[in-house]
């Protein structure tokens, strides 16, 4: 029950983000606006950890996805976990 409740809260957050930010508002722009210096530091740290080629191939395209997709994705994951736990989800 708790996982489903958290999932529905995340779905509500995704809906609100889609309505108020716009359905095509990029995730990278949202993260950059929330904490510009922290975003730049994490980007540099990940580039050092995995290499710039992996960053450009795997992580950079994720930042172009719509911002509402992140809470929606985690909501779907929590709903799947709750569905695998009958009576406890």
C-alpha atoms as a PDB file:
ATOM      1  CA  UNK A   1       0.000   0.000   0.000  1.00  0.00           C
ATOM      2  CA  UNK A   2       2.823   2.402   0.832  1.00  0.00           C
ATOM      3  CA  UNK A   3       4.644   1.790  -2.456  1.00  0.00           C
ATOM      4  CA  UNK A   4       1.483   2.423  -4.438  1.00  0.00           C
ATOM      5  CA  UNK A   5       0.861   5.641  -2.511  1.00  0.00           C
ATOM      6  CA  UNK A   6       4.388   6.887  -3.227  1.00  0.00           C
ATOM      7  CA  UNK A   7       3.949   5.889  -6.879  1.00  0.00           C
ATOM      8  CA  UNK A   8       0.727   7.892  -7.139  1.00  0.00           C
ATOM      9  CA  UNK A   9       2.450  10.906  -5.550  1.00  0.00           C
ATOM     10  CA  UNK A  10       5.206  10.595  -8.162  1.00  0.00           C
ATOM     11  CA  UNK A  11       2.607  10.342 -10.937  1.00  0.00           C
ATOM     12  CA  UNK A  12       0.992  13.505  -9.580  1.00  0.00           C
ATOM     13  CA  UNK A  13       4.376  15.251  -9.536  1.00  0.00           C
ATOM     14  CA  UNK A  14       4.977  14.174 -13.146  1.00  0.00           C
ATOM     15  CA  UNK A  15       1.567  15.508 -14.154  1.00  0.00           C
ATOM     16  CA  UNK A  16       2.201  18.837 -12.409  1.00  0.00           C
ATOM     17  CA  UNK A  17       5.644  19.138 -13.986  1.00  0.00           C
ATOM     18  CA  UNK A  18       4.171  18.447 -17.403  1.00  0.00           C
ATOM     19  CA  UNK A  19       1.425  21.009 -16.981  1.00  0.00           C
ATOM     20  CA  UNK A  20       3.411  23.818 -15.351  1.00  0.00           C
ATOM     21  CA  UNK A  21       6.828  23.392 -17.016  1.00  0.00           C
ATOM     22  CA  UNK A  22       5.538  22.160 -20.344  1.00  0.00           C
ATOM     23  CA  UNK A  23       5.495  18.637 -21.697  1.00  0.00           C
ATOM     24  CA  UNK A  24       8.719  19.114 -23.634  1.00  0.00           C
ATOM     25  CA  UNK A  25      10.768  20.862 -20.915  1.00  0.00           C
ATOM     26  CA  UNK A  26      14.165  19.066 -20.808  1.00  0.00           C
ATOM     27  CA  UNK A  27      15.438  17.343 -17.681  1.00  0.00           C
ATOM     28  CA  UNK A  28      18.904  18.884 -18.084  1.00  0.00           C
ATOM     29  CA  UNK A  29      17.476  22.409 -18.094  1.00  0.00           C
ATOM     30  CA  UNK A  30      15.505  21.677 -14.932  1.00  0.00           C
ATOM     31  CA  UNK A  31      18.537  20.248 -13.120  1.00  0.00           C
ATOM     32  CA  UNK A  32      20.733  23.114 -14.310  1.00  0.00           C
ATOM     33  CA  UNK A  33      18.201  25.640 -13.008  1.00  0.00           C
ATOM     34  CA  UNK A  34      17.849  23.918  -9.647  1.00  0.00           C
ATOM     35  CA  UNK A  35      21.576  23.871  -8.808  1.00  0.00           C
ATOM     36  CA  UNK A  36      23.884  25.205 -11.545  1.00  0.00           C
ATOM     37  CA  UNK A  37      27.220  24.724  -9.764  1.00  0.00           C
ATOM     38  CA  UNK A  38      26.294  21.300  -8.393  1.00  0.00           C
ATOM     39  CA  UNK A  39      25.124  20.150 -11.811  1.00  0.00           C
ATOM     40  CA  UNK A  40      28.417  21.185 -13.409  1.00  0.00           C
ATOM     41  CA  UNK A  41      30.438  19.451 -10.687  1.00  0.00           C
ATOM     42  CA  UNK A  42      28.481  16.217 -11.060  1.00  0.00           C
ATOM     43  CA  UNK A  43      28.882  16.330 -14.823  1.00  0.00           C
ATOM     44  CA  UNK A  44      32.654  16.719 -14.515  1.00  0.00           C
ATOM     45  CA  UNK A  45      32.838  14.005 -11.855  1.00  0.00           C
ATOM     46  CA  UNK A  46      30.904  11.539 -14.011  1.00  0.00           C
ATOM     47  CA  UNK A  47      33.043  12.379 -17.026  1.00  0.00           C
ATOM     48  CA  UNK A  48      36.162  11.600 -15.000  1.00  0.00           C
ATOM     49  CA  UNK A  49      34.631   8.401 -13.627  1.00  0.00           C
ATOM     50  CA  UNK A  50      33.241   6.872 -16.820  1.00  0.00           C
ATOM     51  CA  UNK A  51      35.009   8.920 -19.485  1.00  0.00           C
ATOM     52  CA  UNK A  52      33.750  11.616 -21.815  1.00  0.00           C
ATOM     53  CA  UNK A  53      32.789   9.115 -24.515  1.00  0.00           C
ATOM     54  CA  UNK A  54      30.419   7.243 -22.204  1.00  0.00           C
ATOM     55  CA  UNK A  55      29.063  10.553 -20.876  1.00  0.00           C
ATOM     56  CA  UNK A  56      28.281  11.793 -24.393  1.00  0.00           C
ATOM     57  CA  UNK A  57      26.830   8.459 -25.508  1.00  0.00           C
ATOM     58  CA  UNK A  58      24.780   7.464 -22.448  1.00  0.00           C
ATOM     59  CA  UNK A  59      24.165  10.282 -19.987  1.00  0.00           C
ATOM     60  CA  UNK A  60      23.905  13.384 -22.191  1.00  0.00           C
ATOM     61  CA  UNK A  61      20.923  12.040 -24.211  1.00  0.00           C
ATOM     62  CA  UNK A  62      19.059  11.353 -20.942  1.00  0.00           C
ATOM     63  CA  UNK A  63      19.250  15.058 -20.129  1.00  0.00           C
ATOM     64  CA  UNK A  64      17.282  15.873 -23.278  1.00  0.00           C
ATOM     65  CA  UNK A  65      14.309  13.755 -22.207  1.00  0.00           C
ATOM     66  CA  UNK A  66      11.244  15.535 -20.778  1.00  0.00           C
ATOM     67  CA  UNK A  67      11.550  16.422 -17.090  1.00  0.00           C
ATOM     68  CA  UNK A  68       8.230  14.779 -16.194  1.00  0.00           C
ATOM     69  CA  UNK A  69       9.631  11.422 -17.334  1.00  0.00           C
ATOM     70  CA  UNK A  70      11.861  11.003 -14.282  1.00  0.00           C
ATOM     71  CA  UNK A  71       9.135  10.905 -11.598  1.00  0.00           C
ATOM     72  CA  UNK A  72       6.887   8.947 -13.961  1.00  0.00           C
ATOM     73  CA  UNK A  73       9.642   6.344 -14.471  1.00  0.00           C
ATOM     74  CA  UNK A  74      10.168   5.922 -10.716  1.00  0.00           C
ATOM     75  CA  UNK A  75       6.392   5.721 -10.233  1.00  0.00           C
ATOM     76  CA  UNK A  76       6.171   2.879 -12.760  1.00  0.00           C
ATOM     77  CA  UNK A  77       9.067   1.066 -11.065  1.00  0.00           C
ATOM     78  CA  UNK A  78       7.367   1.347  -7.667  1.00  0.00           C
ATOM     79  CA  UNK A  79       4.072   0.132  -9.111  1.00  0.00           C
ATOM     80  CA  UNK A  80       5.823  -2.920 -10.598  1.00  0.00           C
ATOM     81  CA  UNK A  81       7.503  -3.678  -7.272  1.00  0.00           C
ATOM     82  CA  UNK A  82       4.162  -3.310  -5.503  1.00  0.00           C
ATOM     83  CA  UNK A  83       2.511  -5.654  -8.007  1.00  0.00           C
ATOM     84  CA  UNK A  84       5.126  -8.344  -7.285  1.00  0.00           C
ATOM     85  CA  UNK A  85       4.362  -8.136  -3.564  1.00  0.00           C
ATOM     86  CA  UNK A  86       0.673  -9.086  -3.325  1.00  0.00           C
ATOM     87  CA  UNK A  87      -0.877  -7.958  -0.086  1.00  0.00           C
ATOM     88  CA  UNK A  88       2.203  -5.977   0.970  1.00  0.00           C
ATOM     89  CA  UNK A  89       2.599  -3.443  -1.853  1.00  0.00           C
END
